[in-house]
N, C-alpha and C. Protein backbone atom coordinates (compact mmCIF):
# COMPACT_ATOMS: atom_id res chain seq x y z
N MET A 1 -37.43 -0.81 -25.28
CA MET A 1 -38.41 -1.75 -24.81
C MET A 1 -37.84 -3.16 -24.83
N ASN A 2 -38.12 -3.88 -23.80
CA ASN A 2 -37.74 -5.28 -23.74
C ASN A 2 -38.95 -6.13 -24.11
N THR A 3 -38.70 -7.32 -24.59
CA THR A 3 -39.80 -8.20 -24.94
C THR A 3 -39.82 -9.39 -24.01
N LEU A 4 -41.01 -9.94 -23.84
CA LEU A 4 -41.18 -11.09 -22.99
C LEU A 4 -42.02 -12.11 -23.75
N THR A 5 -41.54 -13.32 -23.83
CA THR A 5 -42.26 -14.38 -24.53
C THR A 5 -42.70 -15.41 -23.51
N GLU A 6 -44.02 -15.56 -23.36
CA GLU A 6 -44.54 -16.57 -22.43
C GLU A 6 -44.61 -17.93 -23.11
N ASN A 7 -44.99 -17.95 -24.37
CA ASN A 7 -45.13 -19.18 -25.13
C ASN A 7 -44.30 -19.01 -26.40
N PRO A 8 -43.33 -19.89 -26.66
CA PRO A 8 -42.47 -19.71 -27.82
C PRO A 8 -43.22 -19.73 -29.16
N LYS A 9 -44.43 -20.30 -29.18
CA LYS A 9 -45.19 -20.35 -30.43
C LYS A 9 -45.96 -19.06 -30.69
N GLN A 10 -46.14 -18.24 -29.67
CA GLN A 10 -46.85 -16.98 -29.83
C GLN A 10 -45.85 -15.85 -30.02
N PRO A 11 -46.26 -14.78 -30.72
CA PRO A 11 -45.36 -13.65 -30.87
C PRO A 11 -45.08 -12.99 -29.51
N ALA A 12 -43.93 -12.41 -29.40
CA ALA A 12 -43.53 -11.76 -28.16
C ALA A 12 -44.39 -10.54 -27.88
N LYS A 13 -44.74 -10.33 -26.61
CA LYS A 13 -45.48 -9.14 -26.19
C LYS A 13 -44.47 -8.07 -25.79
N GLU A 14 -44.75 -6.85 -26.15
CA GLU A 14 -43.88 -5.73 -25.77
C GLU A 14 -44.27 -5.26 -24.38
N ILE A 15 -43.32 -5.22 -23.48
CA ILE A 15 -43.56 -4.75 -22.12
C ILE A 15 -42.53 -3.68 -21.80
N ALA A 16 -43.00 -2.51 -21.40
CA ALA A 16 -42.10 -1.43 -21.01
C ALA A 16 -41.55 -1.76 -19.63
N THR A 17 -40.24 -1.93 -19.51
CA THR A 17 -39.65 -2.28 -18.23
C THR A 17 -38.87 -1.15 -17.60
N MET A 18 -38.53 -0.12 -18.35
CA MET A 18 -37.76 1.00 -17.83
C MET A 18 -38.27 2.29 -18.44
N PRO A 19 -38.04 3.39 -17.76
CA PRO A 19 -38.36 4.67 -18.39
C PRO A 19 -37.50 4.83 -19.64
N PRO A 20 -37.93 5.66 -20.59
CA PRO A 20 -37.19 5.80 -21.84
C PRO A 20 -35.72 6.16 -21.63
N GLU A 21 -35.42 6.97 -20.62
CA GLU A 21 -34.03 7.35 -20.39
C GLU A 21 -33.81 7.51 -18.90
N LEU A 22 -32.76 6.87 -18.41
CA LEU A 22 -32.41 6.98 -17.00
C LEU A 22 -31.37 8.09 -16.87
N ARG A 23 -31.69 9.12 -16.13
CA ARG A 23 -30.78 10.25 -15.95
C ARG A 23 -30.18 10.20 -14.56
N LEU A 24 -28.90 10.20 -14.52
CA LEU A 24 -28.18 10.14 -13.27
C LEU A 24 -27.06 11.17 -13.36
N ARG A 25 -27.24 12.29 -12.69
CA ARG A 25 -26.26 13.38 -12.78
C ARG A 25 -25.49 13.61 -11.48
N ASN A 26 -26.17 13.41 -10.35
CA ASN A 26 -25.55 13.68 -9.06
C ASN A 26 -25.72 12.49 -8.14
N ILE A 27 -24.60 11.96 -7.66
CA ILE A 27 -24.60 10.81 -6.76
C ILE A 27 -24.00 11.27 -5.43
N LEU A 28 -24.70 10.97 -4.35
CA LEU A 28 -24.23 11.30 -3.01
C LEU A 28 -23.78 10.02 -2.32
N VAL A 29 -22.56 10.02 -1.80
CA VAL A 29 -22.03 8.85 -1.10
C VAL A 29 -21.61 9.28 0.31
N PRO A 30 -22.42 8.92 1.32
CA PRO A 30 -22.01 9.18 2.69
C PRO A 30 -20.83 8.28 3.06
N ILE A 31 -19.85 8.86 3.72
CA ILE A 31 -18.62 8.16 4.08
C ILE A 31 -18.45 8.20 5.59
N ASP A 32 -18.13 7.06 6.19
CA ASP A 32 -17.79 7.05 7.62
C ASP A 32 -16.37 6.49 7.83
N PHE A 33 -15.64 6.38 6.73
CA PHE A 33 -14.24 5.94 6.71
C PHE A 33 -14.08 4.46 7.06
N SER A 34 -15.15 3.69 6.98
CA SER A 34 -15.07 2.25 7.20
C SER A 34 -14.86 1.56 5.85
N ALA A 35 -14.49 0.29 5.91
CA ALA A 35 -14.36 -0.49 4.68
C ALA A 35 -15.71 -0.61 3.97
N ALA A 36 -16.78 -0.67 4.75
CA ALA A 36 -18.12 -0.78 4.16
C ALA A 36 -18.48 0.48 3.36
N SER A 37 -18.11 1.66 3.86
CA SER A 37 -18.44 2.87 3.11
C SER A 37 -17.55 3.01 1.87
N GLU A 38 -16.34 2.49 1.93
CA GLU A 38 -15.50 2.49 0.73
C GLU A 38 -16.06 1.51 -0.31
N LYS A 39 -16.72 0.45 0.15
CA LYS A 39 -17.38 -0.46 -0.78
C LYS A 39 -18.52 0.27 -1.49
N ALA A 40 -19.27 1.09 -0.77
CA ALA A 40 -20.34 1.88 -1.39
C ALA A 40 -19.75 2.81 -2.45
N LEU A 41 -18.61 3.40 -2.15
CA LEU A 41 -17.94 4.27 -3.12
C LEU A 41 -17.50 3.48 -4.36
N SER A 42 -17.12 2.22 -4.16
CA SER A 42 -16.70 1.41 -5.31
C SER A 42 -17.88 1.13 -6.25
N TYR A 43 -19.10 1.23 -5.78
CA TYR A 43 -20.28 1.14 -6.64
C TYR A 43 -20.53 2.48 -7.34
N ALA A 44 -20.27 3.56 -6.65
CA ALA A 44 -20.56 4.89 -7.19
C ALA A 44 -19.67 5.24 -8.38
N VAL A 45 -18.41 4.88 -8.32
CA VAL A 45 -17.47 5.28 -9.36
C VAL A 45 -17.85 4.75 -10.75
N PRO A 46 -18.10 3.45 -10.92
CA PRO A 46 -18.49 3.00 -12.27
C PRO A 46 -19.84 3.55 -12.72
N LEU A 47 -20.77 3.75 -11.79
CA LEU A 47 -22.05 4.35 -12.17
C LEU A 47 -21.85 5.79 -12.64
N ALA A 48 -21.03 6.54 -11.93
CA ALA A 48 -20.76 7.92 -12.33
C ALA A 48 -20.07 7.96 -13.69
N ARG A 49 -19.14 7.06 -13.90
CA ARG A 49 -18.44 7.00 -15.18
C ARG A 49 -19.43 6.67 -16.32
N GLN A 50 -20.30 5.69 -16.10
CA GLN A 50 -21.25 5.26 -17.11
C GLN A 50 -22.25 6.36 -17.47
N PHE A 51 -22.72 7.11 -16.46
CA PHE A 51 -23.74 8.12 -16.69
C PHE A 51 -23.20 9.55 -16.75
N HIS A 52 -21.87 9.70 -16.72
CA HIS A 52 -21.23 11.02 -16.72
C HIS A 52 -21.77 11.87 -15.56
N ALA A 53 -21.88 11.24 -14.41
CA ALA A 53 -22.41 11.90 -13.22
C ALA A 53 -21.27 12.37 -12.33
N LYS A 54 -21.61 13.19 -11.36
CA LYS A 54 -20.66 13.68 -10.37
C LYS A 54 -20.94 13.00 -9.04
N ILE A 55 -19.87 12.69 -8.31
CA ILE A 55 -19.97 12.08 -6.99
C ILE A 55 -19.65 13.13 -5.94
N THR A 56 -20.52 13.26 -4.96
CA THR A 56 -20.24 14.11 -3.80
C THR A 56 -20.09 13.20 -2.60
N LEU A 57 -18.99 13.35 -1.89
CA LEU A 57 -18.76 12.60 -0.65
C LEU A 57 -19.26 13.43 0.52
N LEU A 58 -19.90 12.77 1.48
CA LEU A 58 -20.43 13.46 2.66
C LEU A 58 -20.04 12.72 3.91
N TYR A 59 -19.45 13.43 4.85
CA TYR A 59 -19.17 12.88 6.18
C TYR A 59 -20.00 13.67 7.18
N VAL A 60 -20.69 12.96 8.06
CA VAL A 60 -21.48 13.61 9.10
C VAL A 60 -20.85 13.30 10.45
N SER A 61 -20.38 14.34 11.12
CA SER A 61 -19.84 14.15 12.47
C SER A 61 -20.97 14.33 13.46
N GLN A 62 -21.01 13.45 14.43
CA GLN A 62 -22.04 13.53 15.46
C GLN A 62 -21.41 14.03 16.74
N GLU A 63 -22.24 14.44 17.68
CA GLU A 63 -21.76 14.94 18.96
C GLU A 63 -20.84 13.90 19.59
N GLN A 64 -19.62 14.31 19.90
CA GLN A 64 -18.67 13.41 20.53
C GLN A 64 -18.28 14.00 21.87
N LEU A 65 -18.27 13.14 22.88
CA LEU A 65 -17.97 13.60 24.22
C LEU A 65 -16.66 13.01 24.71
N CYS A 66 -15.96 13.78 25.49
CA CYS A 66 -14.69 13.36 26.08
C CYS A 66 -14.90 13.27 27.59
N GLY A 67 -14.61 12.12 28.17
CA GLY A 67 -14.79 11.94 29.60
C GLY A 67 -13.70 12.65 30.39
N THR A 68 -14.11 13.36 31.41
CA THR A 68 -13.16 13.99 32.33
C THR A 68 -13.43 13.42 33.71
N GLU A 69 -12.73 13.94 34.68
CA GLU A 69 -12.90 13.43 36.03
C GLU A 69 -14.29 13.73 36.59
N PHE A 70 -14.87 14.86 36.19
CA PHE A 70 -16.14 15.29 36.78
C PHE A 70 -17.33 15.27 35.82
N ALA A 71 -17.07 15.31 34.52
CA ALA A 71 -18.18 15.40 33.57
C ALA A 71 -17.70 15.03 32.17
N TYR A 72 -18.63 15.03 31.24
CA TYR A 72 -18.30 14.83 29.84
C TYR A 72 -18.35 16.17 29.14
N LEU A 73 -17.32 16.45 28.36
CA LEU A 73 -17.25 17.71 27.62
C LEU A 73 -17.25 17.43 26.13
N PRO A 74 -17.90 18.29 25.33
CA PRO A 74 -17.88 18.07 23.88
C PRO A 74 -16.46 18.21 23.33
N ILE A 75 -16.11 17.34 22.39
CA ILE A 75 -14.83 17.45 21.70
C ILE A 75 -14.94 18.58 20.70
N GLU A 76 -13.89 19.32 20.54
CA GLU A 76 -13.88 20.45 19.61
C GLU A 76 -14.31 20.00 18.22
N GLU A 77 -15.43 20.53 17.75
CA GLU A 77 -16.00 20.12 16.46
C GLU A 77 -15.07 20.47 15.30
N SER A 78 -14.40 21.59 15.37
CA SER A 78 -13.54 22.01 14.25
C SER A 78 -12.38 21.04 14.04
N ALA A 79 -11.86 20.45 15.11
CA ALA A 79 -10.77 19.48 14.98
C ALA A 79 -11.25 18.22 14.28
N VAL A 80 -12.45 17.76 14.64
CA VAL A 80 -13.04 16.58 14.02
C VAL A 80 -13.30 16.86 12.54
N ASN A 81 -13.86 18.03 12.25
CA ASN A 81 -14.16 18.40 10.87
C ASN A 81 -12.90 18.52 10.03
N TRP A 82 -11.84 19.09 10.60
CA TRP A 82 -10.59 19.25 9.86
C TRP A 82 -10.03 17.87 9.49
N ALA A 83 -10.02 16.95 10.46
CA ALA A 83 -9.50 15.60 10.21
C ALA A 83 -10.35 14.88 9.16
N ALA A 84 -11.67 15.04 9.23
CA ALA A 84 -12.56 14.41 8.25
C ALA A 84 -12.32 14.97 6.86
N LYS A 85 -12.14 16.27 6.75
CA LYS A 85 -11.89 16.90 5.45
C LYS A 85 -10.59 16.37 4.83
N GLU A 86 -9.58 16.22 5.65
CA GLU A 86 -8.30 15.71 5.16
C GLU A 86 -8.43 14.26 4.68
N GLN A 87 -9.15 13.44 5.46
CA GLN A 87 -9.36 12.03 5.05
C GLN A 87 -10.16 11.95 3.76
N MET A 88 -11.16 12.82 3.63
CA MET A 88 -11.99 12.80 2.42
C MET A 88 -11.19 13.24 1.20
N LYS A 89 -10.30 14.21 1.36
CA LYS A 89 -9.44 14.62 0.24
C LYS A 89 -8.59 13.44 -0.22
N THR A 90 -8.06 12.69 0.74
CA THR A 90 -7.23 11.53 0.41
C THR A 90 -8.04 10.47 -0.33
N ILE A 91 -9.22 10.16 0.18
CA ILE A 91 -10.08 9.16 -0.47
C ILE A 91 -10.44 9.63 -1.88
N ALA A 92 -10.85 10.89 -1.99
CA ALA A 92 -11.26 11.42 -3.29
C ALA A 92 -10.12 11.36 -4.30
N SER A 93 -8.92 11.71 -3.88
CA SER A 93 -7.80 11.74 -4.83
C SER A 93 -7.35 10.34 -5.23
N HIS A 94 -7.55 9.35 -4.36
CA HIS A 94 -7.13 7.98 -4.67
C HIS A 94 -8.21 7.13 -5.34
N LYS A 95 -9.48 7.44 -5.11
CA LYS A 95 -10.56 6.55 -5.56
C LYS A 95 -11.44 7.15 -6.66
N ILE A 96 -11.42 8.48 -6.84
CA ILE A 96 -12.34 9.11 -7.78
C ILE A 96 -11.55 9.95 -8.78
N ALA A 97 -11.81 9.71 -10.06
CA ALA A 97 -11.18 10.52 -11.10
C ALA A 97 -11.65 11.97 -10.94
N PRO A 98 -10.76 12.94 -11.16
CA PRO A 98 -11.12 14.35 -10.95
C PRO A 98 -12.38 14.79 -11.70
N GLU A 99 -12.60 14.26 -12.89
CA GLU A 99 -13.78 14.67 -13.67
C GLU A 99 -15.09 14.12 -13.09
N LEU A 100 -15.00 13.15 -12.18
CA LEU A 100 -16.20 12.57 -11.57
C LEU A 100 -16.52 13.16 -10.19
N LEU A 101 -15.59 13.91 -9.63
CA LEU A 101 -15.76 14.44 -8.28
C LEU A 101 -16.59 15.73 -8.30
N GLY A 102 -17.72 15.67 -7.62
CA GLY A 102 -18.56 16.86 -7.50
C GLY A 102 -18.19 17.70 -6.29
N GLY A 103 -17.58 17.08 -5.29
CA GLY A 103 -17.16 17.81 -4.10
C GLY A 103 -17.17 16.92 -2.88
N THR A 104 -16.76 17.52 -1.78
CA THR A 104 -16.78 16.84 -0.49
C THR A 104 -17.45 17.76 0.52
N LEU A 105 -18.22 17.17 1.41
CA LEU A 105 -18.93 17.94 2.43
C LEU A 105 -18.71 17.32 3.79
N VAL A 106 -18.58 18.15 4.80
CA VAL A 106 -18.55 17.69 6.18
C VAL A 106 -19.65 18.46 6.90
N ARG A 107 -20.53 17.72 7.56
CA ARG A 107 -21.63 18.32 8.30
C ARG A 107 -21.65 17.76 9.70
N HIS A 108 -22.37 18.45 10.57
CA HIS A 108 -22.48 18.04 11.96
C HIS A 108 -23.96 17.86 12.29
N GLY A 109 -24.32 16.71 12.85
CA GLY A 109 -25.70 16.47 13.23
C GLY A 109 -26.03 14.99 13.23
N VAL A 110 -27.30 14.69 13.10
CA VAL A 110 -27.78 13.31 13.04
C VAL A 110 -27.56 12.84 11.61
N ALA A 111 -26.87 11.73 11.45
CA ALA A 111 -26.40 11.29 10.14
C ALA A 111 -27.51 11.21 9.09
N PHE A 112 -28.59 10.46 9.35
CA PHE A 112 -29.61 10.29 8.32
C PHE A 112 -30.28 11.61 7.96
N GLU A 113 -30.46 12.50 8.94
CA GLU A 113 -31.08 13.79 8.66
C GLU A 113 -30.19 14.64 7.76
N GLU A 114 -28.89 14.66 8.06
CA GLU A 114 -27.96 15.45 7.27
C GLU A 114 -27.78 14.89 5.86
N ILE A 115 -27.84 13.57 5.74
CA ILE A 115 -27.74 12.94 4.42
C ILE A 115 -28.95 13.33 3.57
N ALA A 116 -30.14 13.21 4.13
CA ALA A 116 -31.36 13.57 3.39
C ALA A 116 -31.37 15.06 3.05
N LYS A 117 -30.94 15.88 3.98
CA LYS A 117 -30.90 17.34 3.76
C LYS A 117 -29.92 17.68 2.63
N ALA A 118 -28.74 17.08 2.67
CA ALA A 118 -27.74 17.32 1.61
C ALA A 118 -28.26 16.85 0.26
N ALA A 119 -28.93 15.70 0.24
CA ALA A 119 -29.48 15.17 -1.02
C ALA A 119 -30.48 16.15 -1.63
N ARG A 120 -31.33 16.75 -0.78
CA ARG A 120 -32.29 17.74 -1.28
C ARG A 120 -31.57 18.98 -1.81
N GLU A 121 -30.63 19.48 -1.03
CA GLU A 121 -29.91 20.71 -1.41
C GLU A 121 -29.11 20.54 -2.70
N LEU A 122 -28.54 19.36 -2.89
CA LEU A 122 -27.68 19.10 -4.06
C LEU A 122 -28.45 18.58 -5.27
N ASN A 123 -29.77 18.42 -5.11
CA ASN A 123 -30.59 17.87 -6.19
C ASN A 123 -30.02 16.50 -6.62
N THR A 124 -29.78 15.66 -5.62
CA THR A 124 -29.16 14.35 -5.82
C THR A 124 -30.13 13.40 -6.52
N ASP A 125 -29.60 12.65 -7.48
CA ASP A 125 -30.39 11.65 -8.20
C ASP A 125 -30.34 10.28 -7.55
N LEU A 126 -29.24 9.99 -6.83
CA LEU A 126 -29.06 8.68 -6.21
C LEU A 126 -28.14 8.82 -5.01
N ILE A 127 -28.53 8.18 -3.91
CA ILE A 127 -27.67 8.07 -2.74
C ILE A 127 -27.18 6.63 -2.70
N ILE A 128 -25.89 6.45 -2.55
CA ILE A 128 -25.34 5.10 -2.39
C ILE A 128 -24.76 5.03 -0.99
N VAL A 129 -25.40 4.23 -0.15
CA VAL A 129 -25.04 4.17 1.27
C VAL A 129 -24.72 2.73 1.64
N ASN A 130 -23.85 2.58 2.60
CA ASN A 130 -23.49 1.25 3.07
C ASN A 130 -24.30 0.89 4.30
N THR A 131 -24.37 -0.40 4.56
CA THR A 131 -24.91 -0.88 5.82
C THR A 131 -23.89 -1.84 6.42
N HIS A 132 -23.75 -1.77 7.72
CA HIS A 132 -22.78 -2.64 8.40
C HIS A 132 -23.34 -4.01 8.67
N GLY A 133 -24.65 -4.19 8.50
CA GLY A 133 -25.26 -5.50 8.67
C GLY A 133 -25.42 -5.93 10.10
N TYR A 134 -25.56 -4.96 11.02
CA TYR A 134 -25.79 -5.33 12.42
C TYR A 134 -27.14 -6.02 12.56
N THR A 135 -27.19 -7.00 13.44
CA THR A 135 -28.45 -7.70 13.71
C THR A 135 -28.63 -7.79 15.22
N GLY A 136 -29.79 -8.23 15.62
CA GLY A 136 -30.05 -8.49 17.03
C GLY A 136 -29.94 -7.27 17.90
N LEU A 137 -29.33 -7.46 19.07
CA LEU A 137 -29.24 -6.41 20.07
C LEU A 137 -28.44 -5.21 19.56
N LYS A 138 -27.35 -5.48 18.85
CA LYS A 138 -26.54 -4.37 18.34
C LYS A 138 -27.36 -3.50 17.39
N HIS A 139 -28.19 -4.13 16.52
CA HIS A 139 -29.05 -3.37 15.60
C HIS A 139 -30.07 -2.56 16.40
N ALA A 140 -30.64 -3.16 17.45
CA ALA A 140 -31.63 -2.47 18.26
C ALA A 140 -31.03 -1.27 18.98
N LEU A 141 -29.80 -1.41 19.45
CA LEU A 141 -29.15 -0.32 20.19
C LEU A 141 -28.56 0.74 19.27
N VAL A 142 -27.89 0.32 18.22
CA VAL A 142 -27.21 1.26 17.32
C VAL A 142 -28.17 1.79 16.27
N GLY A 143 -29.11 0.95 15.82
CA GLY A 143 -30.03 1.36 14.77
C GLY A 143 -29.33 1.29 13.43
N SER A 144 -30.06 1.60 12.40
CA SER A 144 -29.48 1.56 11.07
C SER A 144 -29.64 2.90 10.39
N THR A 145 -28.52 3.57 10.17
CA THR A 145 -28.55 4.82 9.43
C THR A 145 -29.08 4.57 8.03
N ALA A 146 -28.68 3.46 7.41
CA ALA A 146 -29.15 3.16 6.05
C ALA A 146 -30.66 3.06 6.00
N GLU A 147 -31.28 2.40 6.97
CA GLU A 147 -32.74 2.29 6.99
C GLU A 147 -33.39 3.66 7.08
N CYS A 148 -32.87 4.51 7.93
CA CYS A 148 -33.43 5.85 8.09
C CYS A 148 -33.23 6.68 6.82
N VAL A 149 -32.09 6.52 6.16
CA VAL A 149 -31.86 7.24 4.90
C VAL A 149 -32.88 6.80 3.87
N VAL A 150 -33.13 5.50 3.75
CA VAL A 150 -34.12 5.00 2.79
C VAL A 150 -35.48 5.63 3.07
N ARG A 151 -35.85 5.73 4.34
CA ARG A 151 -37.17 6.28 4.69
C ARG A 151 -37.28 7.78 4.46
N HIS A 152 -36.19 8.52 4.58
CA HIS A 152 -36.26 9.98 4.53
C HIS A 152 -35.65 10.62 3.27
N ALA A 153 -35.03 9.85 2.44
CA ALA A 153 -34.34 10.40 1.26
C ALA A 153 -35.34 10.94 0.23
N PRO A 154 -34.95 12.02 -0.44
CA PRO A 154 -35.81 12.59 -1.49
C PRO A 154 -35.58 11.95 -2.86
N CYS A 155 -34.78 10.89 -2.91
CA CYS A 155 -34.41 10.25 -4.18
C CYS A 155 -34.17 8.76 -3.93
N PRO A 156 -33.95 7.98 -4.99
CA PRO A 156 -33.65 6.55 -4.79
C PRO A 156 -32.35 6.36 -3.98
N VAL A 157 -32.31 5.25 -3.27
CA VAL A 157 -31.16 4.90 -2.44
C VAL A 157 -30.71 3.49 -2.79
N LEU A 158 -29.44 3.34 -3.09
CA LEU A 158 -28.84 2.02 -3.29
C LEU A 158 -28.10 1.68 -2.01
N VAL A 159 -28.54 0.60 -1.35
CA VAL A 159 -27.90 0.17 -0.11
C VAL A 159 -26.94 -0.95 -0.43
N VAL A 160 -25.68 -0.75 -0.11
CA VAL A 160 -24.63 -1.73 -0.36
C VAL A 160 -24.35 -2.46 0.94
N ARG A 161 -24.62 -3.75 0.92
CA ARG A 161 -24.41 -4.56 2.11
C ARG A 161 -22.94 -4.94 2.23
N GLU A 162 -22.50 -5.06 3.45
CA GLU A 162 -21.09 -5.34 3.70
C GLU A 162 -20.65 -6.72 3.23
N ARG A 163 -21.49 -7.73 3.45
CA ARG A 163 -21.07 -9.11 3.17
C ARG A 163 -22.06 -9.84 2.29
N GLU A 164 -22.43 -9.31 1.19
CA GLU A 164 -23.38 -9.98 0.31
C GLU A 164 -22.86 -10.00 -1.12
N HIS A 165 -23.60 -10.61 -1.99
CA HIS A 165 -23.27 -10.72 -3.41
C HIS A 165 -23.06 -9.34 -4.02
N ASP A 166 -22.00 -9.18 -4.79
CA ASP A 166 -21.72 -7.93 -5.48
C ASP A 166 -22.08 -8.06 -6.94
N PHE A 167 -22.43 -6.93 -7.56
CA PHE A 167 -22.68 -6.96 -9.00
C PHE A 167 -21.68 -6.10 -9.78
N ILE A 168 -20.63 -5.63 -9.09
CA ILE A 168 -19.59 -4.88 -9.80
C ILE A 168 -18.35 -5.73 -9.91
């Protein structure tokens, strides 16, 4: 319990500010291989270390089309997934201590839907997601995966902004 004193001459009032124990066992970090998503991972590692939690990295590949002379054809999903798995192995081995790594996942679909689905399946306690900070027309056209994750996640979400004050 933390105490709060409104008047220094009066005794402090006891105010419960946190639950008795914060349990954090499973952290999900969506990765898109950008510097912003690696910043989100840099928040996850000390939290996992502090709470003895496991970090699961998730990459969501979306439908990708290749232009041809007559039409657009889907790019082979297995090639994209193989490359993503290799990149995630590299990130995991360089940025996450082996005892903190819960695993890596590659999924195909709409990013925010797959993130929320994975969080439910993994019984995730916290999602740490990055935002690129798009504004104006770019935000209207691209949208914000982070916003959608916050709205659909089954657990708390820590949104790490690309260019704002850090607390780590």
